[in-house]
Amino acid sequence: MSTDAIKSSIQIANRIMEAILAKQLAPGTRLGEQQLSELFGVSR
């Protein structure tokens, strides 16, 4: 994995965590690859 890919994955993980803490994502919400890639504008 390249350095840019690692940075992107960390940024996305942080955004997911922020969405959970802000209650934008409900507990138990399924997070599929397709949904996440569309939500964050990245490729799978």
N, C-alpha and C. Protein backbone atom coordinates (compact mmCIF):
# COMPACT_ATOMS: atom_id res chain seq x y z
N MET A 1 0.85 -1.17 0.00
CA MET A 1 0.00 0.00 0.00
C MET A 1 0.90 1.23 0.00
N SER A 2 0.58 2.19 -0.87
CA SER A 2 1.39 3.39 -0.96
C SER A 2 1.11 4.33 0.21
N THR A 3 2.00 5.28 0.39
CA THR A 3 1.84 6.25 1.48
C THR A 3 0.54 7.04 1.32
N ASP A 4 0.22 7.43 0.08
CA ASP A 4 -1.02 8.17 -0.16
C ASP A 4 -2.25 7.33 0.17
N ALA A 5 -2.21 6.05 -0.17
CA ALA A 5 -3.34 5.16 0.13
C ALA A 5 -3.51 5.00 1.64
N ILE A 6 -2.39 4.92 2.35
CA ILE A 6 -2.45 4.79 3.81
C ILE A 6 -3.05 6.07 4.41
N LYS A 7 -2.60 7.23 3.93
CA LYS A 7 -3.14 8.49 4.43
C LYS A 7 -4.64 8.58 4.16
N SER A 8 -5.05 8.17 2.96
CA SER A 8 -6.48 8.21 2.61
C SER A 8 -7.29 7.30 3.50
N SER A 9 -6.78 6.10 3.75
CA SER A 9 -7.53 5.15 4.58
C SER A 9 -7.64 5.66 6.02
N ILE A 10 -6.61 6.30 6.51
CA ILE A 10 -6.65 6.87 7.87
C ILE A 10 -7.66 8.02 7.92
N GLN A 11 -7.66 8.86 6.89
CA GLN A 11 -8.61 9.97 6.84
C GLN A 11 -10.04 9.46 6.80
N ILE A 12 -10.28 8.43 6.00
CA ILE A 12 -11.63 7.87 5.90
C ILE A 12 -12.04 7.24 7.23
N ALA A 13 -11.13 6.51 7.86
CA ALA A 13 -11.43 5.90 9.16
C ALA A 13 -11.79 6.98 10.18
N ASN A 14 -11.06 8.09 10.16
CA ASN A 14 -11.36 9.19 11.07
C ASN A 14 -12.73 9.80 10.78
N ARG A 15 -13.07 9.94 9.50
CA ARG A 15 -14.37 10.50 9.13
C ARG A 15 -15.51 9.56 9.53
N ILE A 16 -15.29 8.26 9.41
CA ILE A 16 -16.30 7.29 9.85
C ILE A 16 -16.50 7.41 11.36
N MET A 17 -15.39 7.49 12.09
CA MET A 17 -15.47 7.62 13.54
C MET A 17 -16.20 8.90 13.94
N GLU A 18 -15.90 10.00 13.25
CA GLU A 18 -16.58 11.27 13.53
C GLU A 18 -18.08 11.15 13.26
N ALA A 19 -18.44 10.47 12.17
CA ALA A 19 -19.86 10.29 11.83
C ALA A 19 -20.58 9.46 12.89
N ILE A 20 -19.90 8.47 13.43
CA ILE A 20 -20.49 7.64 14.49
C ILE A 20 -20.67 8.48 15.75
N LEU A 21 -19.64 9.21 16.13
CA LEU A 21 -19.72 10.03 17.34
C LEU A 21 -20.76 11.14 17.23
N ALA A 22 -20.96 11.65 16.00
CA ALA A 22 -21.96 12.69 15.77
C ALA A 22 -23.35 12.10 15.56
N LYS A 23 -23.44 10.78 15.69
CA LYS A 23 -24.70 10.04 15.53
C LYS A 23 -25.29 10.19 14.14
N GLN A 24 -24.42 10.40 13.15
CA GLN A 24 -24.85 10.42 11.76
C GLN A 24 -24.95 8.99 11.23
N LEU A 25 -24.22 8.09 11.85
CA LEU A 25 -24.31 6.66 11.55
C LEU A 25 -24.80 5.96 12.81
N ALA A 26 -25.88 5.25 12.68
CA ALA A 26 -26.46 4.57 13.84
C ALA A 26 -25.65 3.33 14.20
N PRO A 27 -25.64 2.96 15.48
CA PRO A 27 -24.96 1.73 15.88
C PRO A 27 -25.53 0.55 15.10
N GLY A 28 -24.66 -0.31 14.64
CA GLY A 28 -25.07 -1.49 13.90
C GLY A 28 -25.28 -1.26 12.42
N THR A 29 -25.07 -0.02 11.96
CA THR A 29 -25.22 0.28 10.54
C THR A 29 -24.18 -0.50 9.74
N ARG A 30 -24.65 -1.18 8.70
CA ARG A 30 -23.73 -1.92 7.83
C ARG A 30 -23.03 -0.93 6.92
N LEU A 31 -21.71 -1.05 6.84
CA LEU A 31 -20.91 -0.15 6.02
C LEU A 31 -20.27 -0.95 4.89
N GLY A 32 -20.95 -1.02 3.78
CA GLY A 32 -20.45 -1.76 2.63
C GLY A 32 -19.40 -0.96 1.86
N GLU A 33 -18.54 -1.66 1.16
CA GLU A 33 -17.49 -1.00 0.38
C GLU A 33 -18.06 -0.02 -0.62
N GLN A 34 -19.09 -0.43 -1.34
CA GLN A 34 -19.68 0.42 -2.36
C GLN A 34 -20.25 1.70 -1.74
N GLN A 35 -20.97 1.55 -0.65
CA GLN A 35 -21.56 2.70 0.04
C GLN A 35 -20.46 3.65 0.52
N LEU A 36 -19.42 3.11 1.12
CA LEU A 36 -18.34 3.95 1.64
C LEU A 36 -17.58 4.66 0.51
N SER A 37 -17.33 3.95 -0.58
CA SER A 37 -16.60 4.56 -1.69
C SER A 37 -17.40 5.71 -2.29
N GLU A 38 -18.72 5.55 -2.39
CA GLU A 38 -19.57 6.63 -2.90
C GLU A 38 -19.64 7.79 -1.90
N LEU A 39 -19.77 7.47 -0.64
CA LEU A 39 -19.88 8.48 0.40
C LEU A 39 -18.64 9.37 0.47
N PHE A 40 -17.46 8.75 0.33
CA PHE A 40 -16.21 9.49 0.48
C PHE A 40 -15.52 9.81 -0.84
N GLY A 41 -16.15 9.44 -1.95
CA GLY A 41 -15.61 9.79 -3.26
C GLY A 41 -14.28 9.13 -3.58
N VAL A 42 -14.13 7.88 -3.18
CA VAL A 42 -12.90 7.14 -3.46
C VAL A 42 -13.25 5.83 -4.16
N SER A 43 -12.25 5.21 -4.76
CA SER A 43 -12.48 3.91 -5.39
C SER A 43 -12.40 2.81 -4.35
N ARG A 44 -12.98 1.68 -4.69
CA ARG A 44 -12.94 0.54 -3.78
C ARG A 44 -11.55 0.00 -3.75
